[in-house]
Each structure stands twice: as C-alpha cells, then as structure tokens.
Amino acid sequence: MSIELKTDPKYGYYPWWPENGDDWIHPEDVELARRMVPSPRVWRRDGQQGEFVVLTYGQHILRVRRTLWKELPYEGFDIGNLVEVRTRGMQNDHRTGTITEMLWDDHTGTLRYQVHEPNDEVESKRTYTAEDLKHVEQTDARPEVRIEPPEEDGEEYELK
C-alpha cells in the first residue's frame, strides 16, 4: 500500500533566472517565462504534468522542471479572490475588489497584494498586506420571483 503525500499547492517566486538557458521551461512556455521571470510575482505550484511542475499566476500557466525558487508561506489569499480592504484606523480607504497581483517585497519580507475594484478606471499600484484584507463571500444570484394577484376573485395567486 502506498500513501501519496499531498505537497501542493505551494507558493514561491523566482528572484533570478534559475538556470542557464531555457531547458528548465516547457518549450511552449518559454515566451511567458521570459516576460514574467525573474520578478517578485508569487506563483502557485499546482501539481505536475509529466516531468513538469505546473505553476499558476492568475490566468497564466507555466510548466517548469523542478528548479530552485524561494518558497513562501501561504497567507490564505490567491489571485482572483474577492476581498475587502480593512481601514485599520484610517490607514487604508475602505474598498472591495479582486486580488490581481501577489508580490513578494524583499525589503520588508512580506507578501503584498494589489486589489482592483470593478469601477476603477486605472488599476491602482497600491499594495496591501494580508492583515489589511478580509475575504468576502460571493453572493448567489437568485432569480427574481414575483407573485401576481389573481385577475378575478376566486383564482389563485400565480408565481412568475
């Protein structure tokens, strides 16, 4: 009997280009890797696809061979999460939006999150820590139900 240990997801970033050349990257992902690595972007490791580890950053998917990266602790937030920014004694403006960037700040040694509100015309470069954020539960869209009165006496109410 073999027991498979769950090791993913893990989070980390590439502050450097891990190896000489492009052999560590899936051939179809080289262009994306060259645009996004090295950087402070925090990638989520989501398992394996053949000999490649699958990394995601929002909608971006990168397949790489196991390489040296800086692993980081998970703080409970991912790109795409709907969050509320806490005011924390008026240090922040209250807002609700979606996490669009997860970045490692080497100077402070903290994860930082960018939040985009749907009505923002220009995406803010302001970043927040996990302590500034609170998850917002998505509400289910429920169909509108109308009850129409009967047209004549004696008829039953009708749901529309």
C-alpha atoms as a PDB file:
ATOM      1  CA  MET A   1       0.000   0.000   0.000  1.00  0.00           C
ATOM      2  CA  SER A   2       1.461   3.348  -0.999  1.00  0.00           C
ATOM      3  CA  ILE A   3       0.397   6.597   0.565  1.00  0.00           C
ATOM      4  CA  GLU A   4       0.693   9.654  -1.622  1.00  0.00           C
ATOM      5  CA  LEU A   5       1.561  12.813   0.282  1.00  0.00           C
ATOM      6  CA  LYS A   6      -0.196  15.983  -0.766  1.00  0.00           C
ATOM      7  CA  THR A   7       2.537  18.547  -1.282  1.00  0.00           C
ATOM      8  CA  ASP A   8       0.699  21.146  -3.365  1.00  0.00           C
ATOM      9  CA  PRO A   9      -0.265  23.867  -3.551  1.00  0.00           C
ATOM     10  CA  LYS A  10       2.913  25.646  -2.540  1.00  0.00           C
ATOM     11  CA  TYR A  11       3.780  29.278  -3.156  1.00  0.00           C
ATOM     12  CA  GLY A  12       7.046  30.871  -4.200  1.00  0.00           C
ATOM     13  CA  TYR A  13       8.793  33.238  -6.559  1.00  0.00           C
ATOM     14  CA  TYR A  14      11.823  33.440  -8.826  1.00  0.00           C
ATOM     15  CA  PRO A  15      14.077  36.377  -7.890  1.00  0.00           C
ATOM     16  CA  TRP A  16      16.564  35.128 -10.501  1.00  0.00           C
ATOM     17  CA  TRP A  17      16.602  33.094 -13.732  1.00  0.00           C
ATOM     18  CA  PRO A  18      17.057  29.605 -12.195  1.00  0.00           C
ATOM     19  CA  GLU A  19      19.333  28.003 -14.812  1.00  0.00           C
ATOM     20  CA  ASN A  20      21.400  28.870 -17.847  1.00  0.00           C
ATOM     21  CA  GLY A  21      19.293  28.606 -20.977  1.00  0.00           C
ATOM     22  CA  ASP A  22      15.656  27.609 -21.297  1.00  0.00           C
ATOM     23  CA  ASP A  23      15.877  23.843 -20.670  1.00  0.00           C
ATOM     24  CA  TRP A  24      14.029  24.166 -17.354  1.00  0.00           C
ATOM     25  CA  ILE A  25      10.906  25.577 -19.087  1.00  0.00           C
ATOM     26  CA  HIS A  26       8.375  23.678 -21.203  1.00  0.00           C
ATOM     27  CA  PRO A  27       9.099  24.718 -24.830  1.00  0.00           C
ATOM     28  CA  GLU A  28       5.589  26.184 -25.269  1.00  0.00           C
ATOM     29  CA  ASP A  29       6.015  28.386 -22.162  1.00  0.00           C
ATOM     30  CA  VAL A  30       9.415  30.000 -22.839  1.00  0.00           C
ATOM     31  CA  GLU A  31       7.946  33.308 -24.066  1.00  0.00           C
ATOM     32  CA  LEU A  32       5.704  33.645 -20.987  1.00  0.00           C
ATOM     33  CA  ALA A  33       8.578  32.767 -18.642  1.00  0.00           C
ATOM     34  CA  ARG A  34      10.818  35.382 -20.252  1.00  0.00           C
ATOM     35  CA  ARG A  35       8.116  38.031 -19.616  1.00  0.00           C
ATOM     36  CA  MET A  36       7.383  37.036 -16.013  1.00  0.00           C
ATOM     37  CA  VAL A  37      10.615  35.625 -14.528  1.00  0.00           C
ATOM     38  CA  PRO A  38      12.576  36.876 -12.652  1.00  0.00           C
ATOM     39  CA  SER A  39      10.138  39.009 -10.695  1.00  0.00           C
ATOM     40  CA  PRO A  40       8.531  39.347  -7.265  1.00  0.00           C
ATOM     41  CA  ARG A  41       5.344  37.627  -8.577  1.00  0.00           C
ATOM     42  CA  VAL A  42       4.266  34.824  -6.253  1.00  0.00           C
ATOM     43  CA  TRP A  43       3.427  31.674  -8.231  1.00  0.00           C
ATOM     44  CA  ARG A  44       1.194  28.850  -7.018  1.00  0.00           C
ATOM     45  CA  ARG A  45       2.532  25.336  -7.626  1.00  0.00           C
ATOM     46  CA  ASP A  46      -0.425  23.138  -8.614  1.00  0.00           C
ATOM     47  CA  GLY A  47       0.958  19.644  -9.168  1.00  0.00           C
ATOM     48  CA  GLN A  48       2.728  18.015 -12.090  1.00  0.00           C
ATOM     49  CA  GLN A  49       2.137  17.406 -15.774  1.00  0.00           C
ATOM     50  CA  GLY A  50       4.546  14.688 -16.843  1.00  0.00           C
ATOM     51  CA  GLU A  51       8.055  15.792 -15.954  1.00  0.00           C
ATOM     52  CA  PHE A  52       6.995  19.419 -15.479  1.00  0.00           C
ATOM     53  CA  VAL A  53       5.702  21.200 -12.382  1.00  0.00           C
ATOM     54  CA  VAL A  54       2.617  23.336 -13.111  1.00  0.00           C
ATOM     55  CA  LEU A  55       2.758  26.902 -11.794  1.00  0.00           C
ATOM     56  CA  THR A  56      -0.131  29.357 -11.981  1.00  0.00           C
ATOM     57  CA  TYR A  57      -0.285  33.105 -11.582  1.00  0.00           C
ATOM     58  CA  GLY A  58      -3.888  34.156 -12.074  1.00  0.00           C
ATOM     59  CA  GLN A  59      -4.720  33.089 -15.643  1.00  0.00           C
ATOM     60  CA  HIS A  60      -1.066  32.433 -16.541  1.00  0.00           C
ATOM     61  CA  ILE A  61       0.154  28.830 -16.520  1.00  0.00           C
ATOM     62  CA  LEU A  62       3.838  27.988 -16.616  1.00  0.00           C
ATOM     63  CA  ARG A  63       5.276  24.473 -16.824  1.00  0.00           C
ATOM     64  CA  VAL A  64       8.814  24.119 -15.491  1.00  0.00           C
ATOM     65  CA  ARG A  65      11.165  21.397 -14.358  1.00  0.00           C
ATOM     66  CA  ARG A  66      11.883  21.397 -10.632  1.00  0.00           C
ATOM     67  CA  THR A  67      14.206  24.316 -10.062  1.00  0.00           C
ATOM     68  CA  LEU A  68      15.351  26.439  -7.193  1.00  0.00           C
ATOM     69  CA  TRP A  69      12.778  29.029  -6.219  1.00  0.00           C
ATOM     70  CA  LYS A  70      12.082  30.858  -2.969  1.00  0.00           C
ATOM     71  CA  GLU A  71       9.181  29.133  -1.253  1.00  0.00           C
ATOM     72  CA  LEU A  72       6.871  31.393   0.744  1.00  0.00           C
ATOM     73  CA  PRO A  73       4.185  30.758   3.370  1.00  0.00           C
ATOM     74  CA  TYR A  74       0.548  30.739   2.244  1.00  0.00           C
ATOM     75  CA  GLU A  75      -1.440  33.539   3.891  1.00  0.00           C
ATOM     76  CA  GLY A  76      -4.919  32.459   2.800  1.00  0.00           C
ATOM     77  CA  PHE A  77      -5.301  34.665  -0.281  1.00  0.00           C
ATOM     78  CA  ASP A  78      -4.985  33.914  -4.002  1.00  0.00           C
ATOM     79  CA  ILE A  79      -5.224  35.936  -7.186  1.00  0.00           C
ATOM     80  CA  GLY A  80      -8.891  36.211  -8.102  1.00  0.00           C
ATOM     81  CA  ASN A  81     -10.176  36.249  -4.502  1.00  0.00           C
ATOM     82  CA  LEU A  82     -12.845  38.825  -3.695  1.00  0.00           C
ATOM     83  CA  VAL A  83     -11.653  40.819  -0.675  1.00  0.00           C
ATOM     84  CA  GLU A  84     -12.491  43.805   1.465  1.00  0.00           C
ATOM     85  CA  VAL A  85      -9.696  46.223   2.372  1.00  0.00           C
ATOM     86  CA  ARG A  86      -9.898  46.987   6.098  1.00  0.00           C
ATOM     87  CA  THR A  87      -9.472  50.607   7.136  1.00  0.00           C
ATOM     88  CA  ARG A  88      -7.215  49.719  10.104  1.00  0.00           C
ATOM     89  CA  GLY A  89      -7.591  53.010  11.940  1.00  0.00           C
ATOM     90  CA  MET A  90      -7.984  55.004   8.713  1.00  0.00           C
ATOM     91  CA  GLN A  91      -4.634  53.799   7.338  1.00  0.00           C
ATOM     92  CA  ASN A  92      -6.486  52.462   4.263  1.00  0.00           C
ATOM     93  CA  ASP A  93      -9.525  53.554   2.303  1.00  0.00           C
ATOM     94  CA  HIS A  94     -12.326  51.027   2.638  1.00  0.00           C
ATOM     95  CA  ARG A  95     -12.846  49.221  -0.668  1.00  0.00           C
ATOM     96  CA  THR A  96     -13.915  45.876  -2.044  1.00  0.00           C
ATOM     97  CA  GLY A  97     -12.269  44.282  -5.047  1.00  0.00           C
ATOM     98  CA  THR A  98     -10.428  41.350  -6.556  1.00  0.00           C
ATOM     99  CA  ILE A  99      -6.796  40.456  -5.898  1.00  0.00           C
ATOM    100  CA  THR A 100      -4.960  40.964  -9.190  1.00  0.00           C
ATOM    101  CA  GLU A 101      -1.322  40.678  -8.080  1.00  0.00           C
ATOM    102  CA  MET A 102       0.577  38.754  -5.372  1.00  0.00           C
ATOM    103  CA  LEU A 103       4.077  40.141  -4.927  1.00  0.00           C
ATOM    104  CA  TRP A 104       6.952  39.430  -2.577  1.00  0.00           C
ATOM    105  CA  ASP A 105       8.517  42.519  -1.000  1.00  0.00           C
ATOM    106  CA  ASP A 106      12.133  41.579  -0.287  1.00  0.00           C
ATOM    107  CA  HIS A 107      12.729  44.820   1.617  1.00  0.00           C
ATOM    108  CA  THR A 108      10.022  44.167   4.234  1.00  0.00           C
ATOM    109  CA  GLY A 109       9.925  40.362   3.929  1.00  0.00           C
ATOM    110  CA  THR A 110       6.159  40.333   3.357  1.00  0.00           C
ATOM    111  CA  LEU A 111       3.650  39.293   0.743  1.00  0.00           C
ATOM    112  CA  ARG A 112       1.841  42.251  -0.812  1.00  0.00           C
ATOM    113  CA  TYR A 113      -1.472  42.184  -2.695  1.00  0.00           C
ATOM    114  CA  GLN A 114      -2.887  44.538  -5.319  1.00  0.00           C
ATOM    115  CA  VAL A 115      -6.671  44.898  -5.299  1.00  0.00           C
ATOM    116  CA  HIS A 116      -8.720  46.047  -8.289  1.00  0.00           C
ATOM    117  CA  GLU A 117     -12.251  47.390  -7.927  1.00  0.00           C
ATOM    118  CA  PRO A 118     -14.565  46.776 -10.898  1.00  0.00           C
ATOM    119  CA  ASN A 119     -15.283  50.508 -11.282  1.00  0.00           C
ATOM    120  CA  ASP A 120     -11.589  51.546 -11.179  1.00  0.00           C
ATOM    121  CA  GLU A 121     -10.673  53.191 -14.478  1.00  0.00           C
ATOM    122  CA  VAL A 122      -6.961  52.917 -13.715  1.00  0.00           C
ATOM    123  CA  GLU A 123      -5.620  49.949 -11.792  1.00  0.00           C
ATOM    124  CA  SER A 124      -4.082  51.108  -8.513  1.00  0.00           C
ATOM    125  CA  LYS A 125      -0.463  50.158  -7.814  1.00  0.00           C
ATOM    126  CA  ARG A 126      -1.168  50.362  -4.062  1.00  0.00           C
ATOM    127  CA  THR A 127      -0.424  47.109  -2.260  1.00  0.00           C
ATOM    128  CA  TYR A 128      -1.756  45.652   0.980  1.00  0.00           C
ATOM    129  CA  THR A 129      -0.642  43.010   3.471  1.00  0.00           C
ATOM    130  CA  ALA A 130      -2.779  40.023   4.474  1.00  0.00           C
ATOM    131  CA  GLU A 131      -3.682  41.891   7.684  1.00  0.00           C
ATOM    132  CA  ASP A 132      -5.274  44.614   5.550  1.00  0.00           C
ATOM    133  CA  LEU A 133      -7.552  42.140   3.753  1.00  0.00           C
ATOM    134  CA  LYS A 134     -10.642  40.150   4.616  1.00  0.00           C
ATOM    135  CA  HIS A 135     -12.340  37.548   2.402  1.00  0.00           C
ATOM    136  CA  VAL A 136     -15.757  38.492   1.039  1.00  0.00           C
ATOM    137  CA  GLU A 137     -18.183  35.676   0.381  1.00  0.00           C
ATOM    138  CA  GLN A 138     -19.662  35.738  -3.106  1.00  0.00           C
ATOM    139  CA  THR A 139     -23.421  36.002  -3.015  1.00  0.00           C
ATOM    140  CA  ASP A 140     -25.507  33.668  -5.129  1.00  0.00           C
ATOM    141  CA  ALA A 141     -27.594  35.381  -7.751  1.00  0.00           C
ATOM    142  CA  ARG A 142     -31.119  34.256  -7.069  1.00  0.00           C
ATOM    143  CA  PRO A 143     -33.874  34.504  -9.633  1.00  0.00           C
ATOM    144  CA  GLU A 144     -36.482  37.160  -9.086  1.00  0.00           C
ATOM    145  CA  VAL A 145     -39.834  35.725  -8.054  1.00  0.00           C
ATOM    146  CA  ARG A 146     -42.963  37.807  -8.497  1.00  0.00           C
ATOM    147  CA  ILE A 147     -46.368  36.918  -7.132  1.00  0.00           C
ATOM    148  CA  GLU A 148     -49.136  38.305  -9.292  1.00  0.00           C
ATOM    149  CA  PRO A 149     -52.594  38.853  -7.800  1.00  0.00           C
ATOM    150  CA  PRO A 150     -55.407  36.927  -9.440  1.00  0.00           C
ATOM    151  CA  GLU A 151     -57.236  38.696 -12.238  1.00  0.00           C
ATOM    152  CA  GLU A 152     -60.602  37.544 -10.941  1.00  0.00           C
ATOM    153  CA  ASP A 153     -61.910  36.688  -7.499  1.00  0.00           C
ATOM    154  CA  GLY A 154     -61.639  33.019  -6.676  1.00  0.00           C
ATOM    155  CA  GLU A 155     -58.485  32.389  -8.731  1.00  0.00           C
ATOM    156  CA  GLU A 156     -55.205  31.537  -7.016  1.00  0.00           C
ATOM    157  CA  TYR A 157     -52.111  33.698  -6.884  1.00  0.00           C
ATOM    158  CA  GLU A 158     -49.678  32.970  -9.696  1.00  0.00           C
ATOM    159  CA  LEU A 159     -45.867  32.806  -9.378  1.00  0.00           C
ATOM    160  CA  LYS A 160     -43.966  34.410 -12.235  1.00  0.00           C
END
